[in-house]
Amino acid sequence: MSTIRDALEGIKSIMLLQNDVRNLEKEVERQRDGIDELGDDFVALDKRIVRIETMIEMSTGRSGQLPRIEG
């Protein structure tokens, strides 16, 4: 009976590991989506900064003379 018990324990361990791998895959996917959203937010922020810089340049009448915010 010990051999059967050992085999069942091994199968149980494999099933638990498979469940852990599935959970990790879901977490990686969630983080990937978060990174994609951050990239989109970065692009939107960059566009807003350019618009603000343009407004400042236009309001001072010195178009092109103000230093740009570089990152």
PDB file of N, CA and C in Angstrom:
ATOM      1  N   MET A   1       0.811  -1.204   0.000  1.00  0.00           N
ATOM      2  CA  MET A   1       0.000   0.000   0.000  1.00  0.00           C
ATOM      3  C   MET A   1       0.846   1.256   0.000  1.00  0.00           C
ATOM      4  N   SER A   2       2.032   1.193   0.525  1.00  0.00           N
ATOM      5  CA  SER A   2       2.900   2.361   0.610  1.00  0.00           C
ATOM      6  C   SER A   2       3.232   2.912  -0.776  1.00  0.00           C
ATOM      7  N   THR A   3       3.430   2.033  -1.733  1.00  0.00           N
ATOM      8  CA  THR A   3       3.756   2.473  -3.086  1.00  0.00           C
ATOM      9  C   THR A   3       2.581   3.241  -3.700  1.00  0.00           C
ATOM     10  N   ILE A   4       1.375   2.750  -3.477  1.00  0.00           N
ATOM     11  CA  ILE A   4       0.190   3.435  -4.004  1.00  0.00           C
ATOM     12  C   ILE A   4       0.029   4.786  -3.329  1.00  0.00           C
ATOM     13  N   ARG A   5       0.247   4.832  -2.026  1.00  0.00           N
ATOM     14  CA  ARG A   5       0.141   6.091  -1.282  1.00  0.00           C
ATOM     15  C   ARG A   5       1.170   7.091  -1.813  1.00  0.00           C
ATOM     16  N   ASP A   6       2.381   6.632  -2.036  1.00  0.00           N
ATOM     17  CA  ASP A   6       3.429   7.507  -2.576  1.00  0.00           C
ATOM     18  C   ASP A   6       3.062   8.019  -3.968  1.00  0.00           C
ATOM     19  N   ALA A   7       2.496   7.134  -4.790  1.00  0.00           N
ATOM     20  CA  ALA A   7       2.090   7.533  -6.133  1.00  0.00           C
ATOM     21  C   ALA A   7       0.973   8.574  -6.077  1.00  0.00           C
ATOM     22  N   LEU A   8       0.005   8.383  -5.196  1.00  0.00           N
ATOM     23  CA  LEU A   8      -1.091   9.347  -5.052  1.00  0.00           C
ATOM     24  C   LEU A   8      -0.580  10.686  -4.533  1.00  0.00           C
ATOM     25  N   GLU A   9       0.345  10.649  -3.598  1.00  0.00           N
ATOM     26  CA  GLU A   9       0.940  11.892  -3.086  1.00  0.00           C
ATOM     27  C   GLU A   9       1.696  12.614  -4.200  1.00  0.00           C
ATOM     28  N   GLY A  10       2.377  11.857  -5.036  1.00  0.00           N
ATOM     29  CA  GLY A  10       3.089  12.455  -6.174  1.00  0.00           C
ATOM     30  C   GLY A  10       2.130  13.104  -7.153  1.00  0.00           C
ATOM     31  N   ILE A  11       1.029  12.420  -7.438  1.00  0.00           N
ATOM     32  CA  ILE A  11       0.018  12.972  -8.344  1.00  0.00           C
ATOM     33  C   ILE A  11      -0.599  14.231  -7.743  1.00  0.00           C
ATOM     34  N   LYS A  12      -0.865  14.189  -6.442  1.00  0.00           N
ATOM     35  CA  LYS A  12      -1.433  15.359  -5.764  1.00  0.00           C
ATOM     36  C   LYS A  12      -0.467  16.545  -5.864  1.00  0.00           C
ATOM     37  N   SER A  13       0.813  16.286  -5.651  1.00  0.00           N
ATOM     38  CA  SER A  13       1.815  17.349  -5.739  1.00  0.00           C
ATOM     39  C   SER A  13       1.868  17.941  -7.145  1.00  0.00           C
ATOM     40  N   ILE A  14       1.798  17.094  -8.145  1.00  0.00           N
ATOM     41  CA  ILE A  14       1.816  17.566  -9.535  1.00  0.00           C
ATOM     42  C   ILE A  14       0.596  18.434  -9.816  1.00  0.00           C
ATOM     43  N   MET A  15      -0.566  18.018  -9.340  1.00  0.00           N
ATOM     44  CA  MET A  15      -1.784  18.797  -9.570  1.00  0.00           C
ATOM     45  C   MET A  15      -1.696  20.156  -8.874  1.00  0.00           C
ATOM     46  N   LEU A  16      -1.143  20.189  -7.670  1.00  0.00           N
ATOM     47  CA  LEU A  16      -0.988  21.455  -6.965  1.00  0.00           C
ATOM     48  C   LEU A  16      -0.003  22.370  -7.691  1.00  0.00           C
ATOM     49  N   LEU A  17       1.061  21.792  -8.210  1.00  0.00           N
ATOM     50  CA  LEU A  17       2.036  22.589  -8.967  1.00  0.00           C
ATOM     51  C   LEU A  17       1.413  23.140 -10.248  1.00  0.00           C
ATOM     52  N   GLN A  18       0.604  22.331 -10.913  1.00  0.00           N
ATOM     53  CA  GLN A  18      -0.069  22.808 -12.126  1.00  0.00           C
ATOM     54  C   GLN A  18      -0.999  23.973 -11.798  1.00  0.00           C
ATOM     55  N   ASN A  19      -1.682  23.897 -10.681  1.00  0.00           N
ATOM     56  CA  ASN A  19      -2.561  24.975 -10.252  1.00  0.00           C
ATOM     57  C   ASN A  19      -1.746  26.246  -9.974  1.00  0.00           C
ATOM     58  N   ASP A  20      -0.607  26.084  -9.319  1.00  0.00           N
ATOM     59  CA  ASP A  20       0.256  27.232  -9.048  1.00  0.00           C
ATOM     60  C   ASP A  20       0.753  27.862 -10.353  1.00  0.00           C
ATOM     61  N   VAL A  21       1.106  27.046 -11.318  1.00  0.00           N
ATOM     62  CA  VAL A  21       1.572  27.559 -12.615  1.00  0.00           C
ATOM     63  C   VAL A  21       0.457  28.334 -13.303  1.00  0.00           C
ATOM     64  N   ARG A  22      -0.762  27.816 -13.258  1.00  0.00           N
ATOM     65  CA  ARG A  22      -1.895  28.529 -13.862  1.00  0.00           C
ATOM     66  C   ARG A  22      -2.096  29.890 -13.200  1.00  0.00           C
ATOM     67  N   ASN A  23      -2.004  29.916 -11.871  1.00  0.00           N
ATOM     68  CA  ASN A  23      -2.154  31.181 -11.154  1.00  0.00           C
ATOM     69  C   ASN A  23      -1.049  32.164 -11.532  1.00  0.00           C
ATOM     70  N   LEU A  24       0.163  31.674 -11.678  1.00  0.00           N
ATOM     71  CA  LEU A  24       1.272  32.536 -12.083  1.00  0.00           C
ATOM     72  C   LEU A  24       1.073  33.067 -13.501  1.00  0.00           C
ATOM     73  N   GLU A  25       0.566  32.237 -14.393  1.00  0.00           N
ATOM     74  CA  GLU A  25       0.302  32.681 -15.762  1.00  0.00           C
ATOM     75  C   GLU A  25      -0.740  33.793 -15.769  1.00  0.00           C
ATOM     76  N   LYS A  26      -1.778  33.662 -14.938  1.00  0.00           N
ATOM     77  CA  LYS A  26      -2.802  34.707 -14.847  1.00  0.00           C
ATOM     78  C   LYS A  26      -2.194  36.003 -14.313  1.00  0.00           C
ATOM     79  N   GLU A  27      -1.325  35.893 -13.330  1.00  0.00           N
ATOM     80  CA  GLU A  27      -0.677  37.072 -12.751  1.00  0.00           C
ATOM     81  C   GLU A  27       0.223  37.755 -13.774  1.00  0.00           C
ATOM     82  N   VAL A  28       0.954  36.985 -14.540  1.00  0.00           N
ATOM     83  CA  VAL A  28       1.821  37.551 -15.585  1.00  0.00           C
ATOM     84  C   VAL A  28       0.970  38.284 -16.617  1.00  0.00           C
ATOM     85  N   GLU A  29      -0.138  37.700 -17.001  1.00  0.00           N
ATOM     86  CA  GLU A  29      -1.030  38.341 -17.975  1.00  0.00           C
ATOM     87  C   GLU A  29      -1.565  39.658 -17.410  1.00  0.00           C
ATOM     88  N   ARG A  30      -1.950  39.661 -16.139  1.00  0.00           N
ATOM     89  CA  ARG A  30      -2.464  40.874 -15.502  1.00  0.00           C
ATOM     90  C   ARG A  30      -1.391  41.957 -15.482  1.00  0.00           C
ATOM     91  N   GLN A  31      -0.164  41.573 -15.158  1.00  0.00           N
ATOM     92  CA  GLN A  31       0.930  42.543 -15.132  1.00  0.00           C
ATOM     93  C   GLN A  31       1.251  43.050 -16.534  1.00  0.00           C
ATOM     94  N   ARG A  32       1.179  42.189 -17.526  1.00  0.00           N
ATOM     95  CA  ARG A  32       1.416  42.604 -18.910  1.00  0.00           C
ATOM     96  C   ARG A  32       0.387  43.651 -19.330  1.00  0.00           C
ATOM     97  N   ASP A  33      -0.872  43.433 -18.957  1.00  0.00           N
ATOM     98  CA  ASP A  33      -1.906  44.408 -19.269  1.00  0.00           C
ATOM     99  C   ASP A  33      -1.627  45.742 -18.572  1.00  0.00           C
ATOM    100  N   GLY A  34      -1.157  45.666 -17.337  1.00  0.00           N
ATOM    101  CA  GLY A  34      -0.817  46.885 -16.599  1.00  0.00           C
ATOM    102  C   GLY A  34       0.318  47.647 -17.258  1.00  0.00           C
ATOM    103  N   ILE A  35       1.306  46.931 -17.753  1.00  0.00           N
ATOM    104  CA  ILE A  35       2.437  47.569 -18.440  1.00  0.00           C
ATOM    105  C   ILE A  35       1.969  48.223 -19.733  1.00  0.00           C
ATOM    106  N   ASP A  36       1.077  47.562 -20.452  1.00  0.00           N
ATOM    107  CA  ASP A  36       0.519  48.152 -21.678  1.00  0.00           C
ATOM    108  C   ASP A  36      -0.219  49.446 -21.359  1.00  0.00           C
ATOM    109  N   GLU A  37      -0.991  49.448 -20.270  1.00  0.00           N
ATOM    110  CA  GLU A  37      -1.714  50.656 -19.868  1.00  0.00           C
ATOM    111  C   GLU A  37      -0.737  51.772 -19.493  1.00  0.00           C
ATOM    112  N   LEU A  38       0.340  51.424 -18.817  1.00  0.00           N
ATOM    113  CA  LEU A  38       1.351  52.428 -18.472  1.00  0.00           C
ATOM    114  C   LEU A  38       1.953  53.050 -19.721  1.00  0.00           C
ATOM    115  N   GLY A  39       2.204  52.241 -20.728  1.00  0.00           N
ATOM    116  CA  GLY A  39       2.739  52.760 -21.980  1.00  0.00           C
ATOM    117  C   GLY A  39       1.780  53.737 -22.624  1.00  0.00           C
ATOM    118  N   ASP A  40       0.497  53.393 -22.617  1.00  0.00           N
ATOM    119  CA  ASP A  40      -0.516  54.297 -23.174  1.00  0.00           C
ATOM    120  C   ASP A  40      -0.577  55.597 -22.379  1.00  0.00           C
ATOM    121  N   ASP A  41      -0.512  55.490 -21.052  1.00  0.00           N
ATOM    122  CA  ASP A  41      -0.526  56.682 -20.205  1.00  0.00           C
ATOM    123  C   ASP A  41       0.690  57.557 -20.469  1.00  0.00           C
ATOM    124  N   PHE A  42       1.830  56.941 -20.678  1.00  0.00           N
ATOM    125  CA  PHE A  42       3.055  57.687 -20.962  1.00  0.00           C
ATOM    126  C   PHE A  42       2.917  58.489 -22.252  1.00  0.00           C
ATOM    127  N   VAL A  43       2.371  57.872 -23.287  1.00  0.00           N
ATOM    128  CA  VAL A  43       2.185  58.563 -24.564  1.00  0.00           C
ATOM    129  C   VAL A  43       1.231  59.739 -24.388  1.00  0.00           C
ATOM    130  N   ALA A  44       0.135  59.531 -23.661  1.00  0.00           N
ATOM    131  CA  ALA A  44      -0.833  60.607 -23.436  1.00  0.00           C
ATOM    132  C   ALA A  44      -0.194  61.752 -22.656  1.00  0.00           C
ATOM    133  N   LEU A  45       0.607  61.414 -21.653  1.00  0.00           N
ATOM    134  CA  LEU A  45       1.281  62.441 -20.861  1.00  0.00           C
ATOM    135  C   LEU A  45       2.274  63.222 -21.710  1.00  0.00           C
ATOM    136  N   ASP A  46       2.998  62.536 -22.563  1.00  0.00           N
ATOM    137  CA  ASP A  46       3.958  63.202 -23.448  1.00  0.00           C
ATOM    138  C   ASP A  46       3.235  64.198 -24.353  1.00  0.00           C
ATOM    139  N   LYS A  47       2.089  63.802 -24.880  1.00  0.00           N
ATOM    140  CA  LYS A  47       1.317  64.698 -25.751  1.00  0.00           C
ATOM    141  C   LYS A  47       0.833  65.923 -24.977  1.00  0.00           C
ATOM    142  N   ARG A  48       0.415  65.712 -23.744  1.00  0.00           N
ATOM    143  CA  ARG A  48      -0.046  66.843 -22.928  1.00  0.00           C
ATOM    144  C   ARG A  48       1.092  67.814 -22.647  1.00  0.00           C
ATOM    145  N   ILE A  49       2.275  67.296 -22.378  1.00  0.00           N
ATOM    146  CA  ILE A  49       3.431  68.158 -22.108  1.00  0.00           C
ATOM    147  C   ILE A  49       3.766  68.988 -23.338  1.00  0.00           C
ATOM    148  N   VAL A  50       3.711  68.372 -24.501  1.00  0.00           N
ATOM    149  CA  VAL A  50       3.988  69.112 -25.736  1.00  0.00           C
ATOM    150  C   VAL A  50       2.970  70.232 -25.912  1.00  0.00           C
ATOM    151  N   ARG A  51       1.701  69.955 -25.631  1.00  0.00           N
ATOM    152  CA  ARG A  51       0.674  71.002 -25.756  1.00  0.00           C
ATOM    153  C   ARG A  51       0.928  72.141 -24.769  1.00  0.00           C
ATOM    154  N   ILE A  52       1.308  71.799 -23.539  1.00  0.00           N
ATOM    155  CA  ILE A  52       1.595  72.830 -22.538  1.00  0.00           C
ATOM    156  C   ILE A  52       2.796  73.664 -22.965  1.00  0.00           C
ATOM    157  N   GLU A  53       3.832  73.016 -23.455  1.00  0.00           N
ATOM    158  CA  GLU A  53       5.005  73.755 -23.943  1.00  0.00           C
ATOM    159  C   GLU A  53       4.618  74.697 -25.073  1.00  0.00           C
ATOM    160  N   THR A  54       3.772  74.228 -25.974  1.00  0.00           N
ATOM    161  CA  THR A  54       3.334  75.054 -27.096  1.00  0.00           C
ATOM    162  C   THR A  54       2.541  76.258 -26.601  1.00  0.00           C
ATOM    163  N   MET A  55       1.655  76.039 -25.624  1.00  0.00           N
ATOM    164  CA  MET A  55       0.884  77.150 -25.074  1.00  0.00           C
ATOM    165  C   MET A  55       1.795  78.184 -24.426  1.00  0.00           C
ATOM    166  N   ILE A  56       2.808  77.734 -23.701  1.00  0.00           N
ATOM    167  CA  ILE A  56       3.745  78.662 -23.058  1.00  0.00           C
ATOM    168  C   ILE A  56       4.499  79.458 -24.112  1.00  0.00           C
ATOM    169  N   GLU A  57       4.975  78.768 -25.128  1.00  0.00           N
ATOM    170  CA  GLU A  57       5.721  79.452 -26.187  1.00  0.00           C
ATOM    171  C   GLU A  57       4.854  80.471 -26.903  1.00  0.00           C
ATOM    172  N   MET A  58       3.609  80.121 -27.162  1.00  0.00           N
ATOM    173  CA  MET A  58       2.716  81.042 -27.867  1.00  0.00           C
ATOM    174  C   MET A  58       2.342  82.230 -26.987  1.00  0.00           C
ATOM    175  N   SER A  59       2.179  82.002 -25.697  1.00  0.00           N
ATOM    176  CA  SER A  59       1.761  83.090 -24.807  1.00  0.00           C
ATOM    177  C   SER A  59       2.894  84.080 -24.545  1.00  0.00           C
ATOM    178  N   THR A  60       4.124  83.644 -24.636  1.00  0.00           N
ATOM    179  CA  THR A  60       5.247  84.556 -24.404  1.00  0.00           C
ATOM    180  C   THR A  60       5.677  85.258 -25.681  1.00  0.00           C
ATOM    181  N   GLY A  61       5.203  84.786 -26.811  1.00  0.00           N
ATOM    182  CA  GLY A  61       5.570  85.400 -28.070  1.00  0.00           C
ATOM    183  C   GLY A  61       6.993  85.105 -28.484  1.00  0.00           C
ATOM    184  N   ARG A  62       7.608  84.140 -27.836  1.00  0.00           N
ATOM    185  CA  ARG A  62       8.994  83.781 -28.157  1.00  0.00           C
ATOM    186  C   ARG A  62       9.028  82.339 -28.648  1.00  0.00           C
ATOM    187  N   SER A  63       8.316  82.081 -29.629  1.00  0.00           N
ATOM    188  CA  SER A  63       8.192  80.717 -30.139  1.00  0.00           C
ATOM    189  C   SER A  63       9.561  80.100 -30.403  1.00  0.00           C
ATOM    190  N   GLY A  64       9.793  78.981 -29.790  1.00  0.00           N
ATOM    191  CA  GLY A  64      11.038  78.248 -30.012  1.00  0.00           C
ATOM    192  C   GLY A  64      12.186  78.670 -29.128  1.00  0.00           C
ATOM    193  N   GLN A  65      12.006  79.691 -28.267  1.00  0.00           N
ATOM    194  CA  GLN A  65      13.122  80.162 -27.454  1.00  0.00           C
ATOM    195  C   GLN A  65      13.130  79.571 -26.041  1.00  0.00           C
ATOM    196  N   LEU A  66      12.037  78.984 -25.599  1.00  0.00           N
ATOM    197  CA  LEU A  66      12.014  78.381 -24.275  1.00  0.00           C
ATOM    198  C   LEU A  66      12.621  76.995 -24.327  1.00  0.00           C
ATOM    199  N   PRO A  67      13.343  76.622 -23.282  1.00  0.00           N
ATOM    200  CA  PRO A  67      13.909  75.270 -23.284  1.00  0.00           C
ATOM    201  C   PRO A  67      12.795  74.237 -23.186  1.00  0.00           C
ATOM    202  N   ARG A  68      12.951  73.138 -23.884  1.00  0.00           N
ATOM    203  CA  ARG A  68      11.978  72.060 -23.857  1.00  0.00           C
ATOM    204  C   ARG A  68      12.254  71.167 -22.659  1.00  0.00           C
ATOM    205  N   ILE A  69      11.196  70.590 -22.169  1.00  0.00           N
ATOM    206  CA  ILE A  69      11.321  69.636 -21.061  1.00  0.00           C
ATOM    207  C   ILE A  69      11.691  68.302 -21.678  1.00  0.00           C
ATOM    208  N   GLU A  70      12.906  67.860 -21.435  1.00  0.00           N
ATOM    209  CA  GLU A  70      13.381  66.591 -21.987  1.00  0.00           C
ATOM    210  C   GLU A  70      13.482  65.570 -20.861  1.00  0.00           C
ATOM    211  N   GLY A  71      13.174  64.305 -21.167  1.00  0.00           N
ATOM    212  CA  GLY A  71      13.207  63.307 -20.121  1.00  0.00           C
ATOM    213  C   GLY A  71      14.057  62.149 -20.430  1.00  0.00           C
TER     214      GLY A  71
END
